[in-house]
Amino acid sequence: MQYVRKTSNTGNVHHLEHVNLNFQNRELATKFYECIGLTLDPYQKGNTIWFNAGNQQMHVSVVEDTQTISGEIGIVVPDVEKVLNSLHKHKEQFENTMFNYKVSENNTIEVTSPTNTLFRIIPYNVDSSDAKNGLGISYVLFKCPIGTSKGIARFYEKYFDTKVDVKDQECLIAMGESQLLVFKEDEQYTFDGGYHFCFYVRDFDQTFERCRKDGLLYLEHRFQDKANTVQEARIYNQFRIINIADPKSLEKVIIKIEHEVRSFEHPSFNKTLVNKHF
């Protein structure tokens, strides 16, 4: 199913910038992301590589521990037929992996990555509600346990002051004018974390303090940006949390997904990215 933002009233969250997934094979990751229309960022070096999709990115840490999202990632592209032709042309490069693809509803393409993460490739529609900033990552869907979507919505409403829409067994979290996080209840839910996503907030200090006050700060990660105070967070212009819980019962963690929360002062905010196809 395709998800689209329907209002420009976004609240505190400005936009979702990237999703980070570990990938064991650098060459295979590059072939896959370029096959679906993303561009290898020429300026990023080292064991983490970036693939540009409009104003957003997929980050790939090349390590042994490959990661998979059991939900899906929606990417809006300017030419869906071009991506389909690329998939036809290069499919043999992904033999003996989980790679697969098919044309689905509304002229979208469901593409399963070599490591079994589902991407939905969505055609850009200038007349639709995703048109203003719609190219790139449109939404990220995470599966969650039955009976938890309302609590997850309350979590994002309280700590990130963003707009939420609760439907039958799912909640939609506004990540800017044309992006969403979606949490969909699933009886077959199993935890598959380790990955993280990054987004920018308008009121960085207050967002940090709300998370700090209720013990949500996450410091046991592999990066340098470990911040216990808002002054330390300002040094890095970002902080991290990992536990998602209903504010009514914070001691009961629903799901663990690492959030990289950035301020507008971060050097990557609204950075122009190199794109061949967006």
C-alpha atoms as a PDB file:
ATOM      1  CA  MET A   1       0.000   0.000   0.000  1.00  0.00           C
ATOM      2  CA  GLN A   2       1.196   3.496  -0.859  1.00  0.00           C
ATOM      3  CA  TYR A   3       1.116   6.230   1.821  1.00  0.00           C
ATOM      4  CA  VAL A   4       0.891   9.959   1.040  1.00  0.00           C
ATOM      5  CA  ARG A   5       0.859  13.064   3.248  1.00  0.00           C
ATOM      6  CA  LYS A   6      -2.382  15.042   2.864  1.00  0.00           C
ATOM      7  CA  THR A   7      -1.700  18.285   4.734  1.00  0.00           C
ATOM      8  CA  SER A   8       1.067  20.862   4.986  1.00  0.00           C
ATOM      9  CA  ASN A   9       0.481  21.270   8.757  1.00  0.00           C
ATOM     10  CA  THR A  10       3.544  19.338   9.933  1.00  0.00           C
ATOM     11  CA  GLY A  11       4.294  20.431  13.481  1.00  0.00           C
ATOM     12  CA  ASN A  12       7.804  20.329  14.908  1.00  0.00           C
ATOM     13  CA  VAL A  13       9.431  17.839  12.498  1.00  0.00           C
ATOM     14  CA  HIS A  14      10.875  19.466   9.382  1.00  0.00           C
ATOM     15  CA  HIS A  15      11.868  16.447   7.308  1.00  0.00           C
ATOM     16  CA  LEU A  16      13.216  12.910   7.314  1.00  0.00           C
ATOM     17  CA  GLU A  17      16.742  12.901   5.896  1.00  0.00           C
ATOM     18  CA  HIS A  18      18.095   9.359   5.799  1.00  0.00           C
ATOM     19  CA  VAL A  19      17.652   5.726   6.734  1.00  0.00           C
ATOM     20  CA  ASN A  20      20.758   3.720   7.693  1.00  0.00           C
ATOM     21  CA  LEU A  21      20.899  -0.031   7.003  1.00  0.00           C
ATOM     22  CA  ASN A  22      23.946  -2.261   7.386  1.00  0.00           C
ATOM     23  CA  PHE A  23      24.903  -4.134   4.231  1.00  0.00           C
ATOM     24  CA  GLN A  24      27.592  -6.794   4.202  1.00  0.00           C
ATOM     25  CA  ASN A  25      28.641  -6.388   0.573  1.00  0.00           C
ATOM     26  CA  ARG A  26      29.601  -2.892  -0.613  1.00  0.00           C
ATOM     27  CA  GLU A  27      29.572  -3.776  -4.309  1.00  0.00           C
ATOM     28  CA  LEU A  28      26.161  -5.465  -4.073  1.00  0.00           C
ATOM     29  CA  ALA A  29      24.702  -2.498  -2.163  1.00  0.00           C
ATOM     30  CA  THR A  30      25.996  -0.087  -4.817  1.00  0.00           C
ATOM     31  CA  LYS A  31      24.558  -2.160  -7.662  1.00  0.00           C
ATOM     32  CA  PHE A  32      21.176  -2.396  -5.955  1.00  0.00           C
ATOM     33  CA  TYR A  33      20.672   1.249  -5.015  1.00  0.00           C
ATOM     34  CA  GLU A  34      21.895   2.486  -8.388  1.00  0.00           C
ATOM     35  CA  CYS A  35      19.576  -0.031 -10.059  1.00  0.00           C
ATOM     36  CA  ILE A  36      16.529   1.589  -8.399  1.00  0.00           C
ATOM     37  CA  GLY A  37      17.662   5.092  -9.391  1.00  0.00           C
ATOM     38  CA  LEU A  38      19.694   6.367  -6.437  1.00  0.00           C
ATOM     39  CA  THR A  39      23.113   8.006  -6.882  1.00  0.00           C
ATOM     40  CA  LEU A  40      26.266   7.017  -5.001  1.00  0.00           C
ATOM     41  CA  ASP A  41      27.362  10.182  -3.205  1.00  0.00           C
ATOM     42  CA  PRO A  42      30.842  11.084  -4.526  1.00  0.00           C
ATOM     43  CA  TYR A  43      31.872  12.979  -1.390  1.00  0.00           C
ATOM     44  CA  GLN A  44      31.327  10.328   1.274  1.00  0.00           C
ATOM     45  CA  LYS A  45      34.280   8.038   1.984  1.00  0.00           C
ATOM     46  CA  GLY A  46      34.965   5.195   4.399  1.00  0.00           C
ATOM     47  CA  ASN A  47      32.891   2.231   5.533  1.00  0.00           C
ATOM     48  CA  THR A  48      29.617   4.147   5.436  1.00  0.00           C
ATOM     49  CA  ILE A  49      28.427   5.069   1.953  1.00  0.00           C
ATOM     50  CA  TRP A  50      25.518   7.272   0.949  1.00  0.00           C
ATOM     51  CA  PHE A  51      23.016   6.898  -1.860  1.00  0.00           C
ATOM     52  CA  ASN A  52      21.123  10.043  -2.808  1.00  0.00           C
ATOM     53  CA  ALA A  53      17.413  10.103  -3.609  1.00  0.00           C
ATOM     54  CA  GLY A  54      16.371  13.694  -4.199  1.00  0.00           C
ATOM     55  CA  ASN A  55      16.847  15.504  -0.887  1.00  0.00           C
ATOM     56  CA  GLN A  56      17.116  12.272   1.105  1.00  0.00           C
ATOM     57  CA  GLN A  57      19.585   9.427   1.361  1.00  0.00           C
ATOM     58  CA  MET A  58      19.945   5.767   2.128  1.00  0.00           C
ATOM     59  CA  HIS A  59      23.052   5.274   4.270  1.00  0.00           C
ATOM     60  CA  VAL A  60      24.851   1.951   4.135  1.00  0.00           C
ATOM     61  CA  SER A  61      27.317   0.863   6.784  1.00  0.00           C
ATOM     62  CA  VAL A  62      29.450  -1.898   5.272  1.00  0.00           C
ATOM     63  CA  VAL A  63      29.766  -4.365   8.158  1.00  0.00           C
ATOM     64  CA  GLU A  64      29.149  -8.061   8.780  1.00  0.00           C
ATOM     65  CA  ASP A  65      25.816  -7.507  10.535  1.00  0.00           C
ATOM     66  CA  THR A  66      23.372  -7.020   7.639  1.00  0.00           C
ATOM     67  CA  GLN A  67      20.073  -5.357   8.615  1.00  0.00           C
ATOM     68  CA  THR A  68      16.556  -5.698   7.242  1.00  0.00           C
ATOM     69  CA  ILE A  69      13.397  -3.641   7.801  1.00  0.00           C
ATOM     70  CA  SER A  70      10.377  -5.940   7.891  1.00  0.00           C
ATOM     71  CA  GLY A  71       8.054  -3.146   6.735  1.00  0.00           C
ATOM     72  CA  GLU A  72       8.827  -1.116   3.620  1.00  0.00           C
ATOM     73  CA  ILE A  73      10.409   2.102   2.330  1.00  0.00           C
ATOM     74  CA  GLY A  74       8.533   4.200  -0.227  1.00  0.00           C
ATOM     75  CA  ILE A  75      10.600   6.201  -2.728  1.00  0.00           C
ATOM     76  CA  VAL A  76       9.043   8.617  -5.212  1.00  0.00           C
ATOM     77  CA  VAL A  77      10.946   8.728  -8.516  1.00  0.00           C
ATOM     78  CA  PRO A  78      10.589  11.008 -11.552  1.00  0.00           C
ATOM     79  CA  ASP A  79      10.458   8.120 -14.038  1.00  0.00           C
ATOM     80  CA  VAL A  80       9.144   4.795 -12.770  1.00  0.00           C
ATOM     81  CA  GLU A  81       9.449   3.192 -16.224  1.00  0.00           C
ATOM     82  CA  LYS A  82      13.156   3.956 -16.237  1.00  0.00           C
ATOM     83  CA  VAL A  83      13.541   2.123 -12.908  1.00  0.00           C
ATOM     84  CA  LEU A  84      11.528  -0.829 -14.234  1.00  0.00           C
ATOM     85  CA  ASN A  85      13.772  -1.047 -17.298  1.00  0.00           C
ATOM     86  CA  SER A  86      16.825  -0.921 -15.037  1.00  0.00           C
ATOM     87  CA  LEU A  87      15.455  -3.781 -12.938  1.00  0.00           C
ATOM     88  CA  HIS A  88      14.849  -5.860 -16.070  1.00  0.00           C
ATOM     89  CA  LYS A  89      18.340  -5.109 -17.351  1.00  0.00           C
ATOM     90  CA  HIS A  90      20.287  -5.806 -14.157  1.00  0.00           C
ATOM     91  CA  LYS A  91      18.290  -8.553 -12.417  1.00  0.00           C
ATOM     92  CA  GLU A  92      20.901 -11.218 -13.159  1.00  0.00           C
ATOM     93  CA  GLN A  93      23.399  -9.333 -10.983  1.00  0.00           C
ATOM     94  CA  PHE A  94      21.317 -10.266  -7.941  1.00  0.00           C
ATOM     95  CA  GLU A  95      20.997 -14.008  -8.478  1.00  0.00           C
ATOM     96  CA  ASN A  96      21.203 -16.153  -5.332  1.00  0.00           C
ATOM     97  CA  THR A  97      19.980 -13.271  -3.136  1.00  0.00           C
ATOM     98  CA  MET A  98      16.535 -12.248  -1.836  1.00  0.00           C
ATOM     99  CA  PHE A  99      16.155  -9.776  -4.726  1.00  0.00           C
ATOM    100  CA  ASN A 100      12.795  -9.720  -6.495  1.00  0.00           C
ATOM    101  CA  TYR A 101      10.411  -7.212  -8.017  1.00  0.00           C
ATOM    102  CA  LYS A 102       6.927  -6.861  -9.464  1.00  0.00           C
ATOM    103  CA  VAL A 103       4.654  -4.111 -10.758  1.00  0.00           C
ATOM    104  CA  SER A 104       1.939  -3.433  -8.196  1.00  0.00           C
ATOM    105  CA  GLU A 105      -1.043  -1.154  -7.555  1.00  0.00           C
ATOM    106  CA  ASN A 106      -1.099   2.437  -8.873  1.00  0.00           C
ATOM    107  CA  ASN A 107       1.841   1.745 -11.206  1.00  0.00           C
ATOM    108  CA  THR A 108       4.223   1.268  -8.291  1.00  0.00           C
ATOM    109  CA  ILE A 109       6.996  -1.311  -8.251  1.00  0.00           C
ATOM    110  CA  GLU A 110       7.613  -3.557  -5.248  1.00  0.00           C
ATOM    111  CA  VAL A 111      11.348  -4.282  -5.095  1.00  0.00           C
ATOM    112  CA  THR A 112      12.820  -6.649  -2.535  1.00  0.00           C
ATOM    113  CA  SER A 113      16.469  -5.840  -1.874  1.00  0.00           C
ATOM    114  CA  PRO A 114      19.182  -8.528  -1.877  1.00  0.00           C
ATOM    115  CA  THR A 115      18.945  -8.461   1.938  1.00  0.00           C
ATOM    116  CA  ASN A 116      15.113  -8.717   2.001  1.00  0.00           C
ATOM    117  CA  THR A 117      13.997  -5.125   2.672  1.00  0.00           C
ATOM    118  CA  LEU A 118      10.963  -4.103   0.623  1.00  0.00           C
ATOM    119  CA  PHE A 119      11.139  -0.848  -1.349  1.00  0.00           C
ATOM    120  CA  ARG A 120       8.076   0.580  -3.073  1.00  0.00           C
ATOM    121  CA  ILE A 121       9.025   2.667  -6.114  1.00  0.00           C
ATOM    122  CA  ILE A 122       6.331   5.292  -6.640  1.00  0.00           C
ATOM    123  CA  PRO A 123       5.745   7.446  -9.749  1.00  0.00           C
ATOM    124  CA  TYR A 124       5.896  11.187  -9.191  1.00  0.00           C
ATOM    125  CA  ASN A 125       2.561  12.946  -9.729  1.00  0.00           C
ATOM    126  CA  VAL A 126       2.767  16.721  -9.989  1.00  0.00           C
ATOM    127  CA  ASP A 127      -0.949  17.014  -9.205  1.00  0.00           C
ATOM    128  CA  SER A 128      -0.859  14.937  -6.027  1.00  0.00           C
ATOM    129  CA  SER A 129      -0.381  16.050  -2.423  1.00  0.00           C
ATOM    130  CA  ASP A 130       3.225  14.783  -2.435  1.00  0.00           C
ATOM    131  CA  ALA A 131       4.224  17.163  -5.240  1.00  0.00           C
ATOM    132  CA  LYS A 132       5.809  20.071  -3.351  1.00  0.00           C
ATOM    133  CA  ASN A 133       8.825  18.164  -2.041  1.00  0.00           C
ATOM    134  CA  GLY A 134       7.736  14.726  -3.104  1.00  0.00           C
ATOM    135  CA  LEU A 135      10.762  13.236  -4.847  1.00  0.00           C
ATOM    136  CA  GLY A 136      12.846  10.901  -2.702  1.00  0.00           C
ATOM    137  CA  ILE A 137      11.915   8.982   0.443  1.00  0.00           C
ATOM    138  CA  SER A 138       8.164   9.402   0.903  1.00  0.00           C
ATOM    139  CA  TYR A 139       7.610   7.121   3.881  1.00  0.00           C
ATOM    140  CA  VAL A 140       9.126   4.393   6.027  1.00  0.00           C
ATOM    141  CA  LEU A 141       6.776   1.712   7.348  1.00  0.00           C
ATOM    142  CA  PHE A 142       7.639  -0.290  10.442  1.00  0.00           C
ATOM    143  CA  LYS A 143       5.645  -3.234  11.705  1.00  0.00           C
ATOM    144  CA  CYS A 144       4.702  -3.162  15.390  1.00  0.00           C
ATOM    145  CA  PRO A 145       2.916  -5.434  17.890  1.00  0.00           C
ATOM    146  CA  ILE A 146      -0.878  -5.671  17.955  1.00  0.00           C
ATOM    147  CA  GLY A 147      -2.528  -3.021  20.105  1.00  0.00           C
ATOM    148  CA  THR A 148       0.406  -0.580  20.142  1.00  0.00           C
ATOM    149  CA  SER A 149      -0.227   1.954  17.348  1.00  0.00           C
ATOM    150  CA  LYS A 150      -2.197   4.401  19.533  1.00  0.00           C
ATOM    151  CA  GLY A 151       0.555   4.417  22.152  1.00  0.00           C
ATOM    152  CA  ILE A 152       3.185   4.992  19.457  1.00  0.00           C
ATOM    153  CA  ALA A 153       1.157   7.936  18.145  1.00  0.00           C
ATOM    154  CA  ARG A 154       1.029   9.431  21.645  1.00  0.00           C
ATOM    155  CA  PHE A 155       4.816   9.014  21.894  1.00  0.00           C
ATOM    156  CA  TYR A 156       5.544  11.059  18.768  1.00  0.00           C
ATOM    157  CA  GLU A 157       2.918  13.625  19.660  1.00  0.00           C
ATOM    158  CA  LYS A 158       4.379  14.229  23.119  1.00  0.00           C
ATOM    159  CA  TYR A 159       8.124  14.074  22.519  1.00  0.00           C
ATOM    160  CA  PHE A 160       8.411  15.408  18.965  1.00  0.00           C
ATOM    161  CA  ASP A 161       5.319  17.613  18.816  1.00  0.00           C
ATOM    162  CA  THR A 162       4.422  16.339  15.376  1.00  0.00           C
ATOM    163  CA  LYS A 163       1.095  15.601  13.725  1.00  0.00           C
ATOM    164  CA  VAL A 164      -0.268  12.074  13.928  1.00  0.00           C
ATOM    165  CA  ASP A 165      -3.160  10.248  12.323  1.00  0.00           C
ATOM    166  CA  VAL A 166      -4.394   7.082  14.008  1.00  0.00           C
ATOM    167  CA  LYS A 167      -6.309   4.622  11.853  1.00  0.00           C
ATOM    168  CA  ASP A 168      -7.389   1.025  12.302  1.00  0.00           C
ATOM    169  CA  GLN A 169      -4.277  -0.755  13.628  1.00  0.00           C
ATOM    170  CA  GLU A 170      -1.822   1.796  12.248  1.00  0.00           C
ATOM    171  CA  CYS A 171      -0.589   5.312  12.899  1.00  0.00           C
ATOM    172  CA  LEU A 172       0.863   7.853  10.492  1.00  0.00           C
ATOM    173  CA  ILE A 173       3.497  10.249  11.851  1.00  0.00           C
ATOM    174  CA  ALA A 174       4.195  13.485   9.941  1.00  0.00           C
ATOM    175  CA  MET A 175       7.857  13.840   8.972  1.00  0.00           C
ATOM    176  CA  GLY A 176       7.530  17.144   7.136  1.00  0.00           C
ATOM    177  CA  GLU A 177       5.304  18.273   4.318  1.00  0.00           C
ATOM    178  CA  SER A 178       5.522  15.156   2.169  1.00  0.00           C
ATOM    179  CA  GLN A 179       6.932  12.375   4.360  1.00  0.00           C
ATOM    180  CA  LEU A 180       5.605   9.901   6.884  1.00  0.00           C
ATOM    181  CA  LEU A 181       6.611   7.300   9.393  1.00  0.00           C
ATOM    182  CA  VAL A 182       4.013   4.545   9.437  1.00  0.00           C
ATOM    183  CA  PHE A 183       3.610   2.010  12.229  1.00  0.00           C
ATOM    184  CA  LYS A 184       1.364  -0.882  11.220  1.00  0.00           C
ATOM    185  CA  GLU A 185       0.250  -3.532  13.687  1.00  0.00           C
ATOM    186  CA  ASP A 186       1.048  -7.083  12.608  1.00  0.00           C
ATOM    187  CA  GLU A 187       0.280 -10.389  14.302  1.00  0.00           C
ATOM    188  CA  GLN A 188       3.504 -11.792  12.831  1.00  0.00           C
ATOM    189  CA  TYR A 189       5.629  -8.924  14.181  1.00  0.00           C
ATOM    190  CA  THR A 190       9.176  -9.864  15.151  1.00  0.00           C
ATOM    191  CA  PHE A 191      11.839  -7.389  16.213  1.00  0.00           C
ATOM    192  CA  ASP A 192      14.435  -6.751  13.492  1.00  0.00           C
ATOM    193  CA  GLY A 193      16.119  -3.538  14.678  1.00  0.00           C
ATOM    194  CA  GLY A 194      19.642  -2.201  14.682  1.00  0.00           C
ATOM    195  CA  TYR A 195      19.028   0.291  11.885  1.00  0.00           C
ATOM    196  CA  HIS A 196      18.368   3.977  12.416  1.00  0.00           C
ATOM    197  CA  PHE A 197      16.732   6.938  10.713  1.00  0.00           C
ATOM    198  CA  CYS A 198      17.511  10.653  10.883  1.00  0.00           C
ATOM    199  CA  PHE A 199      15.249  13.716  10.886  1.00  0.00           C
ATOM    200  CA  TYR A 200      15.336  17.436  11.678  1.00  0.00           C
ATOM    201  CA  VAL A 201      13.221  19.299  14.231  1.00  0.00           C
ATOM    202  CA  ARG A 202      12.388  22.978  14.454  1.00  0.00           C
ATOM    203  CA  ASP A 203      12.618  23.322  18.246  1.00  0.00           C
ATOM    204  CA  PHE A 204      15.748  21.326  18.989  1.00  0.00           C
ATOM    205  CA  ASP A 205      16.326  22.425  22.603  1.00  0.00           C
ATOM    206  CA  GLN A 206      12.793  21.728  23.797  1.00  0.00           C
ATOM    207  CA  THR A 207      12.669  18.410  21.960  1.00  0.00           C
ATOM    208  CA  PHE A 208      15.921  17.378  23.643  1.00  0.00           C
ATOM    209  CA  GLU A 209      14.679  18.426  27.083  1.00  0.00           C
ATOM    210  CA  ARG A 210      11.413  16.507  26.744  1.00  0.00           C
ATOM    211  CA  CYS A 211      13.364  13.361  25.887  1.00  0.00           C
ATOM    212  CA  ARG A 212      15.996  13.931  28.593  1.00  0.00           C
ATOM    213  CA  LYS A 213      13.425  14.591  31.314  1.00  0.00           C
ATOM    214  CA  ASP A 214      11.778  11.214  30.745  1.00  0.00           C
ATOM    215  CA  GLY A 215      15.014   9.245  30.399  1.00  0.00           C
ATOM    216  CA  LEU A 216      14.810   8.581  26.673  1.00  0.00           C
ATOM    217  CA  LEU A 217      18.329   9.642  25.648  1.00  0.00           C
ATOM    218  CA  TYR A 218      20.320   6.861  23.985  1.00  0.00           C
ATOM    219  CA  LEU A 219      24.089   6.895  24.591  1.00  0.00           C
ATOM    220  CA  GLU A 220      25.174   3.266  24.006  1.00  0.00           C
ATOM    221  CA  HIS A 221      25.680   3.657  20.262  1.00  0.00           C
ATOM    222  CA  ARG A 222      28.753   3.466  18.004  1.00  0.00           C
ATOM    223  CA  PHE A 223      28.840   7.146  17.031  1.00  0.00           C
ATOM    224  CA  GLN A 224      30.557  10.122  18.691  1.00  0.00           C
ATOM    225  CA  ASP A 225      27.463  12.240  19.355  1.00  0.00           C
ATOM    226  CA  LYS A 226      26.808  11.186  22.953  1.00  0.00           C
ATOM    227  CA  ALA A 227      24.951  14.022  24.653  1.00  0.00           C
ATOM    228  CA  ASN A 228      23.720  14.098  28.265  1.00  0.00           C
ATOM    229  CA  THR A 229      22.863  17.797  28.274  1.00  0.00           C
ATOM    230  CA  VAL A 230      21.410  20.240  25.788  1.00  0.00           C
ATOM    231  CA  GLN A 231      24.780  22.030  25.752  1.00  0.00           C
ATOM    232  CA  GLU A 232      26.485  18.811  24.631  1.00  0.00           C
ATOM    233  CA  ALA A 233      23.739  18.182  22.083  1.00  0.00           C
ATOM    234  CA  ARG A 234      24.354  21.631  20.613  1.00  0.00           C
ATOM    235  CA  ILE A 235      28.015  20.704  20.020  1.00  0.00           C
ATOM    236  CA  TYR A 236      26.940  17.901  17.698  1.00  0.00           C
ATOM    237  CA  ASN A 237      23.641  19.528  16.675  1.00  0.00           C
ATOM    238  CA  GLN A 238      22.005  16.168  17.222  1.00  0.00           C
ATOM    239  CA  PHE A 239      21.103  13.540  19.794  1.00  0.00           C
ATOM    240  CA  ARG A 240      19.701  10.010  19.767  1.00  0.00           C
ATOM    241  CA  ILE A 241      16.909   8.007  21.338  1.00  0.00           C
ATOM    242  CA  ILE A 242      15.985   4.366  20.798  1.00  0.00           C
ATOM    243  CA  ASN A 243      13.013   3.348  22.965  1.00  0.00           C
ATOM    244  CA  ILE A 244       9.465   3.945  21.711  1.00  0.00           C
ATOM    245  CA  ALA A 245       6.869   3.661  24.470  1.00  0.00           C
ATOM    246  CA  ASP A 246       3.412   4.936  25.290  1.00  0.00           C
ATOM    247  CA  PRO A 247       3.891   8.032  27.499  1.00  0.00           C
ATOM    248  CA  LYS A 248       1.223   6.542  29.779  1.00  0.00           C
ATOM    249  CA  SER A 249       3.565   3.634  30.603  1.00  0.00           C
ATOM    250  CA  LEU A 250       7.133   4.504  29.629  1.00  0.00           C
ATOM    251  CA  GLU A 251       8.564   1.502  31.452  1.00  0.00           C
ATOM    252  CA  LYS A 252       6.954  -0.794  28.844  1.00  0.00           C
ATOM    253  CA  VAL A 253       9.037  -0.384  25.696  1.00  0.00           C
ATOM    254  CA  ILE A 254       7.003  -1.133  22.571  1.00  0.00           C
ATOM    255  CA  ILE A 255       9.782  -1.190  20.006  1.00  0.00           C
ATOM    256  CA  LYS A 256      13.432  -0.127  19.735  1.00  0.00           C
ATOM    257  CA  ILE A 257      14.397   1.959  16.699  1.00  0.00           C
ATOM    258  CA  GLU A 258      17.318   4.352  16.848  1.00  0.00           C
ATOM    259  CA  HIS A 259      16.340   7.972  16.087  1.00  0.00           C
ATOM    260  CA  GLU A 260      19.014  10.485  15.077  1.00  0.00           C
ATOM    261  CA  VAL A 261      17.443  13.867  15.887  1.00  0.00           C
ATOM    262  CA  ARG A 262      19.104  16.944  14.347  1.00  0.00           C
ATOM    263  CA  SER A 263      18.852  20.712  14.604  1.00  0.00           C
ATOM    264  CA  PHE A 264      18.807  23.179  11.730  1.00  0.00           C
ATOM    265  CA  GLU A 265      22.392  24.089  12.730  1.00  0.00           C
ATOM    266  CA  HIS A 266      23.666  20.693  11.613  1.00  0.00           C
ATOM    267  CA  PRO A 267      26.040  21.106   8.620  1.00  0.00           C
ATOM    268  CA  SER A 268      23.989  18.644   6.542  1.00  0.00           C
ATOM    269  CA  PHE A 269      20.709  20.563   6.910  1.00  0.00           C
ATOM    270  CA  ASN A 270      19.257  21.283   3.453  1.00  0.00           C
ATOM    271  CA  LYS A 271      22.539  20.287   1.846  1.00  0.00           C
ATOM    272  CA  THR A 272      22.397  20.025  -1.952  1.00  0.00           C
ATOM    273  CA  LEU A 273      22.942  16.410  -2.998  1.00  0.00           C
ATOM    274  CA  VAL A 274      24.308  15.015  -6.236  1.00  0.00           C
ATOM    275  CA  ASN A 275      21.532  13.248  -8.158  1.00  0.00           C
ATOM    276  CA  LYS A 276      21.724  11.674 -11.597  1.00  0.00           C
ATOM    277  CA  HIS A 277      18.064  10.732 -11.864  1.00  0.00           C
ATOM    278  CA  PHE A 278      16.098  12.973  -9.433  1.00  0.00           C
END
